[in-house]
């Protein structure tokens, strides 16, 4: 016997529910059953509908050619059946993370404040991975009602949430004495409060589901190693790391893991590096903006640039069963930086 669960459920007074290993299969089953309903209705209008005998239905389901076809089906991908929500999902790192998770079979909800970029990303992923694999939700991560609504939409779209990647972010630079309260509060609103609200909403859903889950924070090298002229940013990033550790402690009894990825100088495709942050960092290093990537490359121990795909690979590790025995940990993806070695 294969899967003993029914695919179509008819609930009197409620309607029809379709249940399958992924949204695509469930949607197709629902479309077929709606057609079956029309056949039954048509039959009943002229006579009565009679279904197949149980043995005949069995013979169709288990005939040799069907069995042979199923034996040749590829094995499920590592994240098949799991649902991820990625904040900042329309940015360079966010899209790389989403693509990596979808490539392993996950359904991904992209959450972003930039509606135009969000729509474009969802359309692109729909073409690459199929429309059932991706959804988008417009959200300001500093707003508690907006974050709660985003997670409700994710549950409505896919039935639950198994992976939360807190990635939405900004960057700012200013000498400490020139750091305004507004700048300080903006960093903490997005980088600390935004991570808190996103993680809490996902944590509550995971706890109710009773299936465990993975929460991954995208922090920064600056969470461990302070940089001059960026006190608000560095402090908020440090808060993310410690929040993840607190989540690891409380989530462990429920199988909910929390880990942190610390990138450094991911310039390619990053919205952060398209703004004044790039100019500020170039000025701080006394180089032109075009020379900045080379400065970071040479600063690293491995003399390599860090790309969004590198961050995505680390996220996949923490989101998958590869890291089933890892929680409360930090993975630096910075091409080697001695000052940010974990202690």
Protein backbone atom coordinates (compact mmCIF):
# COMPACT_ATOMS: atom_id res chain seq x y z
CA UNK A 1 0.00 0.00 0.00
CA UNK A 2 1.23 3.46 -0.84
CA UNK A 3 0.13 6.65 0.91
CA UNK A 4 -2.96 5.71 2.98
CA UNK A 5 -4.11 9.33 3.29
CA UNK A 6 -6.98 10.60 1.22
CA UNK A 7 -6.23 13.41 -1.22
CA UNK A 8 -9.72 14.93 -1.37
CA UNK A 9 -11.73 15.62 1.77
CA UNK A 10 -15.39 16.63 1.58
CA UNK A 11 -16.53 18.40 4.73
CA UNK A 12 -20.31 19.01 5.00
CA UNK A 13 -21.04 22.68 5.51
CA UNK A 14 -17.43 23.64 4.79
CA UNK A 15 -16.45 22.41 1.34
CA UNK A 16 -13.67 20.50 -0.35
CA UNK A 17 -10.09 20.31 0.88
CA UNK A 18 -7.25 18.84 -1.14
CA UNK A 19 -4.21 17.43 0.64
CA UNK A 20 -1.00 16.21 -0.99
CA UNK A 21 2.80 16.17 -0.78
CA UNK A 22 3.05 19.58 -2.46
CA UNK A 23 0.82 22.40 -3.61
CA UNK A 24 1.04 21.47 -7.27
CA UNK A 25 -0.22 17.93 -6.66
CA UNK A 26 -2.98 19.19 -4.37
CA UNK A 27 -4.08 21.81 -6.91
CA UNK A 28 -4.20 19.32 -9.77
CA UNK A 29 -6.15 16.81 -7.65
CA UNK A 30 -8.64 19.53 -6.75
CA UNK A 31 -9.08 20.48 -10.42
CA UNK A 32 -9.70 16.83 -11.34
CA UNK A 33 -12.23 16.42 -8.53
CA UNK A 34 -14.13 19.55 -9.53
CA UNK A 35 -14.50 17.94 -12.96
CA UNK A 36 -15.62 14.73 -11.26
CA UNK A 37 -18.27 16.71 -9.39
CA UNK A 38 -19.54 18.05 -12.71
CA UNK A 39 -19.69 14.50 -14.10
CA UNK A 40 -21.64 13.33 -11.03
CA UNK A 41 -24.00 16.28 -11.32
CA UNK A 42 -24.54 15.58 -15.01
CA UNK A 43 -25.16 11.90 -14.38
CA UNK A 44 -27.61 12.65 -11.59
CA UNK A 45 -29.56 15.01 -13.84
CA UNK A 46 -30.46 12.20 -16.23
CA UNK A 47 -30.20 9.10 -14.05
CA UNK A 48 -27.78 8.31 -11.22
CA UNK A 49 -24.01 8.31 -10.83
CA UNK A 50 -22.31 4.97 -10.16
CA UNK A 51 -18.65 4.85 -9.22
CA UNK A 52 -16.17 2.10 -10.03
CA UNK A 53 -16.19 -1.04 -7.97
CA UNK A 54 -13.42 -1.14 -5.37
CA UNK A 55 -11.52 -3.90 -7.19
CA UNK A 56 -11.63 -2.00 -10.48
CA UNK A 57 -10.34 1.15 -8.82
CA UNK A 58 -7.57 -0.89 -7.22
CA UNK A 59 -6.59 -2.43 -10.55
CA UNK A 60 -6.27 1.03 -12.14
CA UNK A 61 -4.22 2.41 -9.23
CA UNK A 62 -1.87 -0.56 -8.91
CA UNK A 63 -1.53 -1.96 -12.42
CA UNK A 64 1.98 -2.98 -13.47
CA UNK A 65 2.75 -0.04 -15.75
CA UNK A 66 1.75 2.42 -13.01
CA UNK A 67 3.98 0.61 -10.56
CA UNK A 68 6.86 0.69 -13.04
CA UNK A 69 6.37 4.43 -13.57
CA UNK A 70 6.41 5.13 -9.83
CA UNK A 71 9.58 3.10 -9.37
CA UNK A 72 11.31 5.38 -11.87
CA UNK A 73 10.20 8.58 -10.21
CA UNK A 74 13.09 10.62 -8.75
CA UNK A 75 13.47 10.63 -5.00
CA UNK A 76 11.90 13.60 -3.20
CA UNK A 77 14.21 16.57 -2.84
CA UNK A 78 15.63 17.35 0.59
CA UNK A 79 13.17 20.17 1.38
CA UNK A 80 10.12 18.73 -0.36
CA UNK A 81 6.96 19.48 1.59
CA UNK A 82 8.51 22.31 3.60
CA UNK A 83 7.45 25.93 3.54
CA UNK A 84 9.87 28.82 4.01
CA UNK A 85 9.27 32.52 4.56
CA UNK A 86 12.16 34.84 3.67
CA UNK A 87 12.07 38.48 4.73
CA UNK A 88 13.89 40.86 2.43
CA UNK A 89 13.13 38.22 -0.16
CA UNK A 90 13.23 40.57 -3.15
CA UNK A 91 16.83 41.66 -2.53
CA UNK A 92 19.99 40.06 -3.86
CA UNK A 93 20.70 37.82 -0.87
CA UNK A 94 17.01 37.13 -0.32
CA UNK A 95 16.47 35.97 -3.89
CA UNK A 96 19.56 33.78 -3.79
CA UNK A 97 18.28 32.15 -0.58
CA UNK A 98 14.82 31.62 -2.06
CA UNK A 99 16.25 30.08 -5.22
CA UNK A 100 18.42 27.67 -3.21
CA UNK A 101 15.50 26.56 -1.05
CA UNK A 102 13.17 26.12 -4.02
CA UNK A 103 15.83 24.16 -5.89
CA UNK A 104 15.60 21.62 -3.06
CA UNK A 105 11.80 21.39 -3.25
CA UNK A 106 10.65 23.96 -0.69
CA UNK A 107 7.77 26.34 -1.29
CA UNK A 108 8.90 29.89 -0.51
CA UNK A 109 7.00 33.00 0.53
CA UNK A 110 8.97 36.13 -0.32
CA UNK A 111 8.28 38.99 2.09
CA UNK A 112 9.51 42.45 1.19
CA UNK A 113 8.62 46.14 1.58
CA UNK A 114 9.54 46.90 -2.04
CA UNK A 115 6.35 45.92 -3.85
CA UNK A 116 7.73 46.42 -7.36
CA UNK A 117 10.83 44.29 -6.78
CA UNK A 118 8.71 41.73 -4.96
CA UNK A 119 6.29 41.32 -7.87
CA UNK A 120 9.19 40.98 -10.31
CA UNK A 121 10.91 38.35 -8.15
CA UNK A 122 7.72 36.30 -7.73
CA UNK A 123 7.08 36.39 -11.49
CA UNK A 124 10.65 35.31 -12.25
CA UNK A 125 10.60 32.44 -9.74
CA UNK A 126 7.18 31.36 -11.02
CA UNK A 127 8.72 30.85 -14.46
CA UNK A 128 11.77 29.05 -13.09
CA UNK A 129 10.21 26.82 -10.44
CA UNK A 130 6.48 26.88 -11.19
CA UNK A 131 3.77 29.17 -9.86
CA UNK A 132 2.91 26.78 -7.03
CA UNK A 133 6.41 27.01 -5.52
CA UNK A 134 6.44 30.72 -4.75
CA UNK A 135 4.24 33.43 -3.30
CA UNK A 136 4.86 37.04 -2.35
CA UNK A 137 3.62 39.21 0.48
CA UNK A 138 4.21 42.92 0.94
CA UNK A 139 5.33 43.61 4.51
CA UNK A 140 7.07 46.17 6.69
CA UNK A 141 8.97 44.05 9.22
CA UNK A 142 8.86 46.83 11.82
CA UNK A 143 5.05 46.58 11.99
CA UNK A 144 3.67 43.88 14.28
CA UNK A 145 0.25 43.70 12.52
CA UNK A 146 1.93 43.55 9.10
CA UNK A 147 4.26 40.72 10.12
CA UNK A 148 1.44 38.74 11.71
CA UNK A 149 -0.66 39.20 8.55
CA UNK A 150 2.23 38.06 6.36
CA UNK A 151 2.57 34.80 8.25
CA UNK A 152 -1.19 34.24 8.13
CA UNK A 153 -1.00 34.62 4.35
CA UNK A 154 1.84 32.10 4.24
CA UNK A 155 -0.19 29.57 6.20
CA UNK A 156 -3.22 30.19 4.01
CA UNK A 157 -1.14 29.70 0.86
CA UNK A 158 0.73 26.55 1.90
CA UNK A 159 -0.72 25.18 5.12
CA UNK A 160 2.10 26.07 7.51
CA UNK A 161 5.62 27.42 7.96
CA UNK A 162 8.69 25.25 8.58
CA UNK A 163 11.57 27.62 7.84
CA UNK A 164 11.95 31.32 8.65
CA UNK A 165 14.86 33.30 7.23
CA UNK A 166 15.12 36.79 8.74
CA UNK A 167 17.06 38.72 6.14
CA UNK A 168 15.44 42.16 5.71
CA UNK A 169 17.99 44.83 6.42
CA UNK A 170 19.57 48.22 5.99
CA UNK A 171 23.04 49.61 6.59
CA UNK A 172 24.12 53.01 7.83
CA UNK A 173 27.30 54.79 8.74
CA UNK A 174 28.00 57.78 10.95
CA UNK A 175 30.59 58.77 13.55
CA UNK A 176 29.31 57.92 17.01
CA UNK A 177 28.91 61.55 18.08
CA UNK A 178 26.96 62.30 14.90
CA UNK A 179 24.65 59.27 15.19
CA UNK A 180 21.16 60.66 15.60
CA UNK A 181 18.49 59.00 17.69
CA UNK A 182 16.47 58.61 14.50
CA UNK A 183 19.29 56.68 12.83
CA UNK A 184 19.81 54.54 15.92
CA UNK A 185 16.09 53.73 16.19
CA UNK A 186 15.80 52.96 12.48
CA UNK A 187 18.60 50.39 12.67
CA UNK A 188 17.09 48.71 15.71
CA UNK A 189 13.55 48.84 14.29
CA UNK A 190 14.52 46.93 11.15
CA UNK A 191 17.47 44.82 12.26
CA UNK A 192 16.46 43.95 15.83
CA UNK A 193 12.69 44.44 16.15
CA UNK A 194 12.10 43.22 12.60
CA UNK A 195 13.99 40.00 13.30
CA UNK A 196 12.19 39.60 16.61
CA UNK A 197 8.72 40.00 15.09
CA UNK A 198 9.45 37.68 12.15
CA UNK A 199 11.02 35.00 14.33
CA UNK A 200 8.26 35.20 16.93
CA UNK A 201 5.49 34.83 14.36
CA UNK A 202 7.22 31.84 12.79
CA UNK A 203 8.10 30.33 16.16
CA UNK A 204 4.47 30.38 17.29
CA UNK A 205 3.33 28.60 14.13
CA UNK A 206 6.08 25.99 14.39
CA UNK A 207 5.24 25.34 18.02
CA UNK A 208 1.55 24.85 17.19
CA UNK A 209 2.41 22.50 14.33
CA UNK A 210 4.53 20.30 16.58
CA UNK A 211 6.88 19.42 13.71
CA UNK A 212 9.96 21.37 14.72
CA UNK A 213 11.41 23.95 12.38
CA UNK A 214 14.40 26.09 11.47
CA UNK A 215 14.93 29.81 12.06
CA UNK A 216 17.94 31.39 10.36
CA UNK A 217 19.15 34.94 10.96
CA UNK A 218 21.25 36.76 8.38
CA UNK A 219 23.42 38.92 10.62
CA UNK A 220 26.85 40.28 9.70
CA UNK A 221 30.53 40.13 10.39
CA UNK A 222 29.82 43.36 12.29
CA UNK A 223 27.76 41.40 14.79
CA UNK A 224 31.04 40.03 16.15
CA UNK A 225 33.61 42.61 15.04
CA UNK A 226 32.91 46.28 15.61
CA UNK A 227 33.59 48.80 12.85
CA UNK A 228 34.28 52.49 13.39
CA UNK A 229 31.59 54.83 12.15
CA UNK A 230 28.76 52.29 12.27
CA UNK A 231 27.77 51.96 15.93
CA UNK A 232 24.01 51.71 15.31
CA UNK A 233 24.38 49.03 12.65
CA UNK A 234 26.93 46.97 14.58
CA UNK A 235 24.89 47.10 17.80
CA UNK A 236 21.68 46.03 16.08
CA UNK A 237 23.45 43.16 14.33
CA UNK A 238 24.91 42.01 17.66
CA UNK A 239 21.37 41.96 19.05
CA UNK A 240 20.34 39.57 16.28
CA UNK A 241 23.01 37.06 17.24
CA UNK A 242 22.01 37.03 20.87
CA UNK A 243 18.31 36.80 20.03
CA UNK A 244 19.03 33.69 17.96
CA UNK A 245 20.80 32.14 20.94
CA UNK A 246 17.80 32.85 23.15
CA UNK A 247 15.53 31.25 20.55
CA UNK A 248 17.80 28.20 20.44
CA UNK A 249 17.39 27.73 24.19
CA UNK A 250 13.59 27.97 24.20
CA UNK A 251 13.01 26.24 20.89
CA UNK A 252 15.08 23.13 21.56
CA UNK A 253 12.37 21.25 23.51
CA UNK A 254 10.06 21.74 20.51
CA UNK A 255 12.62 20.77 17.88
CA UNK A 256 12.85 24.38 16.68
CA UNK A 257 16.43 25.27 15.80
CA UNK A 258 17.83 28.81 15.55
CA UNK A 259 21.15 29.63 13.90
CA UNK A 260 22.93 32.65 12.43
CA UNK A 261 24.79 33.27 9.18
CA UNK A 262 27.30 36.13 9.24
CA UNK A 263 28.13 37.50 5.78
CA UNK A 264 30.68 40.18 5.01
CA UNK A 265 30.83 42.60 2.07
CA UNK A 266 28.28 40.96 -0.23
CA UNK A 267 28.27 43.74 -2.80
CA UNK A 268 26.81 42.01 -5.85
CA UNK A 269 23.02 42.33 -6.15
CA UNK A 270 22.67 43.98 -2.74
CA UNK A 271 20.28 46.91 -2.35
CA UNK A 272 22.24 48.03 0.70
CA UNK A 273 25.39 48.47 -1.35
CA UNK A 274 23.55 50.42 -4.06
CA UNK A 275 22.89 53.35 -1.75
CA UNK A 276 24.91 55.71 0.39
CA UNK A 277 26.39 52.84 2.41
CA UNK A 278 28.70 52.03 -0.49
CA UNK A 279 29.89 55.64 -0.71
CA UNK A 280 30.38 55.80 3.05
CA UNK A 281 32.40 52.59 3.17
CA UNK A 282 34.49 53.72 0.20
CA UNK A 283 35.22 57.01 1.95
CA UNK A 284 36.07 55.18 5.17
CA UNK A 285 38.57 53.01 3.28
CA UNK A 286 39.86 56.02 1.29
CA UNK A 287 39.19 54.39 -2.09
CA UNK A 288 36.77 54.92 -4.96
CA UNK A 289 33.49 53.01 -5.02
CA UNK A 290 34.69 50.91 -7.95
CA UNK A 291 37.71 49.79 -5.91
CA UNK A 292 35.71 48.82 -2.86
CA UNK A 293 35.08 45.16 -3.76
CA UNK A 294 38.78 44.62 -4.35
CA UNK A 295 39.54 46.17 -0.95
CA UNK A 296 37.25 43.68 0.77
CA UNK A 297 38.62 40.80 -1.27
CA UNK A 298 42.19 41.59 -0.28
CA UNK A 299 41.17 42.12 3.33
CA UNK A 300 39.91 38.54 3.61
CA UNK A 301 42.21 35.70 4.56
CA UNK A 302 41.27 33.69 1.48
CA UNK A 303 41.43 36.68 -0.87
CA UNK A 304 37.98 35.86 -2.24
CA UNK A 305 34.77 37.82 -2.83
CA UNK A 306 31.58 36.74 -1.07
CA UNK A 307 28.45 36.40 -3.22
CA UNK A 308 24.72 36.01 -2.44
CA UNK A 309 24.89 32.35 -3.49
CA UNK A 310 27.48 31.72 -0.78
CA UNK A 311 25.08 33.04 1.86
CA UNK A 312 22.27 30.95 0.37
CA UNK A 313 24.35 27.79 0.70
CA UNK A 314 24.89 28.46 4.40
CA UNK A 315 21.17 29.11 4.89
CA UNK A 316 20.31 25.86 3.12
CA UNK A 317 22.61 24.00 5.50
CA UNK A 318 20.88 25.44 8.56
CA UNK A 319 17.40 24.99 7.06
CA UNK A 320 17.90 21.36 6.06
CA UNK A 321 18.40 18.13 7.97
CA UNK A 322 22.13 18.42 7.28
CA UNK A 323 22.24 20.56 10.43
CA UNK A 324 19.63 18.59 12.38
CA UNK A 325 21.94 18.58 15.43
CA UNK A 326 22.93 22.23 15.21
CA UNK A 327 21.27 25.10 17.09
CA UNK A 328 22.51 28.32 18.64
CA UNK A 329 25.43 28.37 16.22
CA UNK A 330 27.08 30.99 14.02
CA UNK A 331 28.49 30.36 10.55
CA UNK A 332 30.71 33.11 9.19
CA UNK A 333 30.65 33.44 5.39
CA UNK A 334 33.24 36.17 5.00
CA UNK A 335 36.17 34.54 3.16
CA UNK A 336 38.02 34.58 6.46
CA UNK A 337 38.26 37.50 8.83
CA UNK A 338 40.33 37.01 11.96
CA UNK A 339 38.60 39.72 13.98
CA UNK A 340 35.25 37.95 13.56
CA UNK A 341 36.39 34.48 14.59
CA UNK A 342 33.81 33.16 17.06
CA UNK A 343 34.98 32.63 20.60
